[in-house]
Amino acid sequence: MLDALSTEALAPEPAEPILETRGLTVAAGRRTLLRSIGLRIEPGRVLGILGASGVGKTTLLRCLNRLTDLTPQLAVSGEVLLHGRPIHGRDVDADALRARIGMLFQQPVVFPGSIADNVMFGVRHTGRLPRRAWPERIERALREAALWEEVRHRLREPAASLSAGQQQRLCLARTLAGEPEVLLLDEPTSALDAGSTAAIEELILRLRERHAIVLVTHGLRQARRVADSLVYLAPRDGAGEVVESGPCQDLFTRPRSPELARYLSREPA
C-alpha cells in the first residue's frame, strides 16, 4: 500500500495556466461588482463557473478578453495574464487579444449576410488572413463546430435562415475561425432546446482537446457533465467573490461553504 508521501509524489503536477487572474476586481463607480478574483485556466480543461444571477459571472468573462473596455463606467484592477503576460499592456492589441480569447454569448448573434460572411466576420475585421485562404478557414471552422455537413451547400444563404441551434454553432464557428487558445462560453445553451444543448455539450468535450474553456452555466447537470473543475461565486459584502473552487466532483460531493451547499440543493445534480 502506498503511504501518503508516495501518493502525493505520484500526483500530477498542475499544468501551467494559459490564462490567469490575480486579485481581479471590478467596480462601477463606488459599487464593487467583483472582488479579488483568482482563476487558473489550464490547457485541455473546462473550468465551470457557477453562481446565482447577478453575482458577476458574465462581467468576469468579459474581463478575460477586455470586453469590459467597451463599458467605460467599469473600472478593472488586478491582473489578467495570458501566458504570464498582462493583457492590459500598452502593446496589446485588443482585437488580436479577442481572437486569441474568443467568446460565445447566451443568445446567438448572427449578422446580416451569408453563412460564410458570418464565419469570417472577425477574421475579416483583423485583416490578418489573405482572401485566398478564406475558403479553407471557413470549412475548418464549420467542421470544428460540427456544422459543415449541414451548410456546405448553403454557404451563400442568409445566416438568419438557420435554426437557433445552428445559429449558435455558427457563432461558435465564427469564434473558432479566429483560432483562439481560450473559449469563453456564457451560458451557451440557455436559449436552446434539449437536442441543441446536447450537441453543444458534445462540442465542448471535443473542443477542450485543443482549447482551454471557461463555461458559465446555471445548469448543475451540465456542469457535472462537461466541467473538469469549478469556481463558485457568491456575493459577500455586495460583491461577487470566489467562495469555493476545485475539482468538479469534489465541489458537488463535499461542498465546504454553506453558500455552495444551499446553491447545490436548489436543483438535483
Protein backbone atom coordinates (compact mmCIF):
# COMPACT_ATOMS: atom_id res chain seq x y z
CA MET A 1 0.00 0.00 0.00
CA LEU A 2 1.28 3.45 -0.92
CA ASP A 3 1.84 5.73 2.01
CA ALA A 4 0.72 9.36 1.99
CA LEU A 5 4.11 10.62 0.91
CA SER A 6 4.42 8.34 -2.10
CA THR A 7 0.82 9.02 -3.13
CA GLU A 8 1.50 12.73 -3.06
CA ALA A 9 4.66 12.22 -5.08
CA LEU A 10 2.67 10.43 -7.81
CA ALA A 11 0.07 13.21 -8.07
CA PRO A 12 0.36 15.02 -11.42
CA GLU A 13 1.84 18.47 -11.41
CA PRO A 14 -0.72 21.17 -12.24
CA ALA A 15 -0.36 22.45 -15.78
CA GLU A 16 0.87 25.97 -16.39
CA PRO A 17 -2.20 28.14 -16.93
CA ILE A 18 -2.86 29.68 -20.32
CA LEU A 19 -4.89 32.41 -18.66
CA GLU A 20 -4.76 33.52 -15.04
CA THR A 21 -6.28 36.25 -12.89
CA ARG A 22 -4.80 37.65 -9.70
CA GLY A 23 -6.75 39.95 -7.43
CA LEU A 24 -9.15 40.84 -10.26
CA THR A 25 -11.59 43.48 -9.03
CA VAL A 26 -14.29 45.31 -10.95
CA ALA A 27 -16.16 48.39 -9.77
CA ALA A 28 -18.90 50.57 -11.23
CA GLY A 29 -18.46 53.91 -9.54
CA ARG A 30 -18.47 53.30 -5.80
CA ARG A 31 -20.05 49.87 -6.14
CA THR A 32 -17.72 46.85 -6.25
CA LEU A 33 -19.08 44.13 -8.55
CA LEU A 34 -16.29 41.56 -8.27
CA ARG A 35 -13.62 41.41 -5.59
CA SER A 36 -10.16 39.82 -5.70
CA ILE A 37 -10.93 37.03 -8.17
CA GLY A 38 -8.22 34.44 -8.69
CA LEU A 39 -8.56 31.91 -11.53
CA ARG A 40 -6.27 29.44 -13.29
CA ILE A 41 -7.40 28.41 -16.77
CA GLU A 42 -5.40 25.41 -17.94
CA PRO A 43 -5.00 23.85 -21.39
CA GLY A 44 -7.19 20.92 -22.28
CA ARG A 45 -9.65 21.54 -19.44
CA VAL A 46 -13.10 23.03 -18.88
CA LEU A 47 -13.41 25.44 -15.96
CA GLY A 48 -17.05 25.84 -14.95
CA ILE A 49 -18.26 28.99 -13.19
CA LEU A 50 -21.34 28.67 -11.01
CA GLY A 51 -23.26 31.30 -9.08
CA ALA A 52 -26.62 32.97 -8.73
CA SER A 53 -27.85 35.52 -11.26
CA GLY A 54 -26.36 38.95 -10.72
CA VAL A 55 -23.20 37.80 -8.95
CA GLY A 56 -20.96 38.95 -11.81
CA LYS A 57 -20.25 35.83 -13.86
CA THR A 58 -20.69 37.50 -17.24
CA THR A 59 -18.71 40.53 -16.12
CA LEU A 60 -15.91 38.17 -15.09
CA LEU A 61 -15.87 36.55 -18.53
CA ARG A 62 -15.79 39.95 -20.22
CA CYS A 63 -12.73 40.89 -18.15
CA LEU A 64 -10.83 37.92 -19.57
CA ASN A 65 -10.68 39.32 -23.12
CA ARG A 66 -11.08 43.02 -22.33
CA LEU A 67 -14.68 43.35 -23.48
CA THR A 68 -15.05 45.47 -20.35
CA ASP A 69 -13.07 48.12 -22.25
CA LEU A 70 -16.31 48.76 -24.14
CA THR A 71 -18.09 49.75 -20.90
CA PRO A 72 -16.28 52.90 -19.76
CA GLN A 73 -18.07 53.09 -16.41
CA LEU A 74 -16.39 49.87 -15.28
CA ALA A 75 -13.03 50.14 -13.51
CA VAL A 76 -10.93 46.96 -13.65
CA SER A 77 -7.96 46.40 -11.36
CA GLY A 78 -5.74 43.44 -10.54
CA GLU A 79 -4.10 41.28 -13.18
CA VAL A 80 -5.23 39.15 -16.10
CA LEU A 81 -2.29 37.23 -17.56
CA LEU A 82 -2.13 35.39 -20.88
CA HIS A 83 0.89 33.07 -20.85
CA GLY A 84 2.18 35.13 -17.95
CA ARG A 85 1.90 38.48 -19.73
CA PRO A 86 -0.63 41.19 -18.73
CA ILE A 87 -3.43 41.58 -21.27
CA HIS A 88 -3.77 45.28 -20.38
CA GLY A 89 -0.26 46.17 -21.53
CA ARG A 90 0.07 49.16 -23.82
CA ASP A 91 1.47 46.94 -26.56
CA VAL A 92 -1.54 44.59 -26.52
CA ASP A 93 -3.94 44.91 -29.48
CA ALA A 94 -7.43 44.34 -28.03
CA ASP A 95 -8.83 42.95 -31.30
CA ALA A 96 -5.97 40.48 -31.64
CA LEU A 97 -6.46 39.52 -27.99
CA ARG A 98 -10.15 38.77 -28.58
CA ALA A 99 -9.20 36.49 -31.44
CA ARG A 100 -6.96 34.53 -29.05
CA ILE A 101 -9.60 34.56 -26.29
CA GLY A 102 -12.92 34.11 -28.08
CA MET A 103 -16.35 34.42 -26.51
CA LEU A 104 -19.73 32.81 -27.20
CA PHE A 105 -22.79 34.52 -25.74
CA GLN A 106 -26.13 33.30 -24.39
CA GLN A 107 -28.15 34.28 -27.45
CA PRO A 108 -26.93 33.53 -30.97
CA VAL A 109 -25.83 36.77 -32.61
CA VAL A 110 -25.85 36.46 -36.39
CA PHE A 111 -25.06 39.39 -38.62
CA PRO A 112 -26.82 40.38 -41.84
CA GLY A 113 -25.29 38.46 -44.71
CA SER A 114 -24.47 34.92 -45.62
CA ILE A 115 -23.33 31.97 -43.54
CA ALA A 116 -19.82 32.35 -44.97
CA ASP A 117 -19.80 36.09 -44.23
CA ASN A 118 -20.69 35.37 -40.62
CA VAL A 119 -17.90 32.84 -40.19
CA MET A 120 -15.33 35.30 -41.49
CA PHE A 121 -16.66 38.41 -39.76
CA GLY A 122 -13.97 38.63 -37.08
CA VAL A 123 -11.13 37.38 -39.28
CA ARG A 124 -12.01 39.92 -41.95
CA HIS A 125 -12.03 42.66 -39.33
CA THR A 126 -8.48 41.89 -38.21
CA GLY A 127 -7.25 41.68 -41.80
CA ARG A 128 -4.60 39.10 -40.97
CA LEU A 129 -5.66 36.35 -43.37
CA PRO A 130 -5.38 36.70 -47.18
CA ARG A 131 -8.65 36.26 -49.02
CA ARG A 132 -7.37 33.23 -50.93
CA ALA A 133 -7.17 31.39 -47.58
CA TRP A 134 -10.76 32.14 -46.59
CA PRO A 135 -12.47 29.04 -48.06
CA GLU A 136 -10.17 26.69 -46.15
CA ARG A 137 -10.67 28.64 -42.92
CA ILE A 138 -14.46 28.67 -43.37
CA GLU A 139 -14.58 24.91 -43.89
CA ARG A 140 -12.24 24.19 -40.97
CA ALA A 141 -14.22 26.39 -38.55
CA LEU A 142 -17.56 24.93 -39.61
CA ARG A 143 -16.21 21.40 -39.28
CA GLU A 144 -14.87 22.15 -35.81
CA ALA A 145 -18.31 23.50 -34.87
CA ALA A 146 -19.97 20.34 -36.32
CA LEU A 147 -21.94 22.42 -38.83
CA TRP A 148 -20.13 21.86 -42.13
CA GLU A 149 -22.18 18.93 -43.39
CA GLU A 150 -25.42 20.80 -42.70
CA VAL A 151 -24.48 24.01 -44.51
CA ARG A 152 -21.74 23.13 -47.03
CA HIS A 153 -24.09 23.70 -49.97
CA ARG A 154 -25.73 26.77 -48.39
CA LEU A 155 -22.75 29.00 -47.60
CA ARG A 156 -24.19 31.93 -49.57
CA GLU A 157 -27.62 31.69 -47.96
CA PRO A 158 -28.59 34.16 -45.20
CA ALA A 159 -27.33 33.15 -41.77
CA ALA A 160 -30.74 34.11 -40.38
CA SER A 161 -32.26 31.15 -42.24
CA LEU A 162 -30.62 28.71 -39.83
CA SER A 163 -32.36 27.27 -36.77
CA ALA A 164 -31.48 28.61 -33.32
CA GLY A 165 -29.22 25.67 -32.58
CA GLN A 166 -27.48 26.02 -35.92
CA GLN A 167 -27.08 29.75 -35.37
CA GLN A 168 -25.33 29.12 -32.05
CA ARG A 169 -22.97 26.66 -33.73
CA LEU A 170 -22.41 29.25 -36.47
CA CYS A 171 -21.44 31.78 -33.79
CA LEU A 172 -19.07 29.16 -32.39
CA ALA A 173 -17.59 28.66 -35.87
CA ARG A 174 -17.09 32.42 -36.16
CA THR A 175 -15.19 32.37 -32.88
CA LEU A 176 -13.15 29.33 -33.91
CA ALA A 177 -12.23 30.96 -37.23
CA GLY A 178 -10.04 33.34 -35.22
CA GLU A 179 -8.08 30.30 -33.96
CA PRO A 180 -8.49 31.10 -30.25
CA GLU A 181 -6.46 29.48 -27.49
CA VAL A 182 -9.24 30.06 -24.95
CA LEU A 183 -13.02 29.82 -25.40
CA LEU A 184 -15.30 31.78 -23.06
CA LEU A 185 -18.82 30.34 -23.08
CA ASP A 186 -21.52 32.41 -21.39
CA GLU A 187 -24.48 30.06 -20.81
CA PRO A 188 -24.27 28.97 -24.46
CA THR A 189 -27.25 26.59 -24.25
CA SER A 190 -29.68 28.70 -22.22
CA ALA A 191 -31.73 29.60 -25.32
CA LEU A 192 -31.60 26.15 -26.95
CA ASP A 193 -33.75 23.04 -26.90
CA ALA A 194 -32.58 19.75 -25.42
CA GLY A 195 -31.22 18.37 -28.69
CA SER A 196 -29.22 21.50 -29.49
CA THR A 197 -27.97 21.63 -25.89
CA ALA A 198 -26.67 18.07 -26.17
CA ALA A 199 -24.91 18.96 -29.43
CA ILE A 200 -23.18 21.96 -27.84
CA GLU A 201 -22.12 19.91 -24.80
CA GLU A 202 -20.64 17.26 -27.08
CA LEU A 203 -18.74 20.01 -28.87
CA ILE A 204 -17.39 21.37 -25.59
CA LEU A 205 -15.97 17.97 -24.69
CA ARG A 206 -14.38 17.68 -28.13
CA LEU A 207 -13.05 21.25 -28.23
CA ARG A 208 -11.28 21.02 -24.89
CA GLU A 209 -8.69 18.81 -26.61
CA ARG A 210 -7.44 21.91 -28.44
CA HIS A 211 -8.67 24.83 -26.36
CA ALA A 212 -8.90 25.88 -22.75
CA ILE A 213 -12.57 26.52 -21.99
CA VAL A 214 -14.34 28.67 -19.40
CA LEU A 215 -18.05 27.85 -19.11
CA VAL A 216 -20.60 29.92 -17.22
CA THR A 217 -23.67 27.79 -16.58
CA HIS A 218 -26.70 27.69 -14.31
CA GLY A 219 -27.25 24.02 -15.09
CA LEU A 220 -25.78 21.81 -12.40
CA ARG A 221 -26.22 18.71 -14.53
CA GLN A 222 -24.43 20.45 -17.37
CA ALA A 223 -21.57 21.43 -15.09
CA ARG A 224 -21.23 17.85 -13.88
CA ARG A 225 -21.26 16.53 -17.46
CA VAL A 226 -18.63 18.79 -19.01
CA ALA A 227 -16.57 20.66 -16.37
CA ASP A 228 -13.26 19.39 -15.05
CA SER A 229 -13.07 21.97 -12.27
CA LEU A 230 -15.44 24.54 -10.83
CA VAL A 231 -15.42 28.00 -9.34
CA TYR A 232 -18.39 29.09 -7.25
CA LEU A 233 -19.08 32.83 -6.95
CA ALA A 234 -21.29 34.25 -4.22
CA PRO A 235 -22.00 37.80 -3.03
CA ARG A 236 -20.10 38.92 0.04
CA ASP A 237 -20.48 42.49 1.24
CA GLY A 238 -22.27 43.24 -2.01
CA ALA A 239 -19.57 41.96 -4.38
CA GLY A 240 -19.04 38.64 -6.10
CA GLU A 241 -16.19 36.62 -4.62
CA VAL A 242 -14.79 33.14 -5.18
CA VAL A 243 -16.19 31.17 -2.27
CA GLU A 244 -15.01 27.73 -3.39
CA SER A 245 -13.00 26.23 -6.21
CA GLY A 246 -11.63 22.82 -7.03
CA PRO A 247 -12.30 19.60 -8.96
CA CYS A 248 -15.89 19.32 -10.13
CA GLN A 249 -16.69 16.12 -8.28
CA ASP A 250 -15.26 17.44 -5.01
CA LEU A 251 -17.45 20.54 -5.04
CA PHE A 252 -20.56 18.53 -5.83
CA THR A 253 -19.99 15.84 -3.23
CA ARG A 254 -18.19 17.75 -0.46
CA PRO A 255 -19.10 21.45 -0.54
CA ARG A 256 -17.28 23.27 2.25
CA SER A 257 -19.25 26.52 2.37
CA PRO A 258 -22.89 26.88 3.39
CA GLU A 259 -23.44 29.14 0.35
CA LEU A 260 -22.45 26.43 -2.10
CA ALA A 261 -24.36 23.75 -0.20
CA ARG A 262 -27.52 25.86 -0.45
CA TYR A 263 -26.92 26.55 -4.13
CA LEU A 264 -26.50 22.87 -4.94
CA SER A 265 -29.64 21.95 -3.04
CA ARG A 266 -31.81 24.03 -5.40
CA GLU A 267 -31.50 21.56 -8.26
CA PRO A 268 -30.77 17.85 -8.20
CA ALA A 269 -27.26 17.32 -9.59
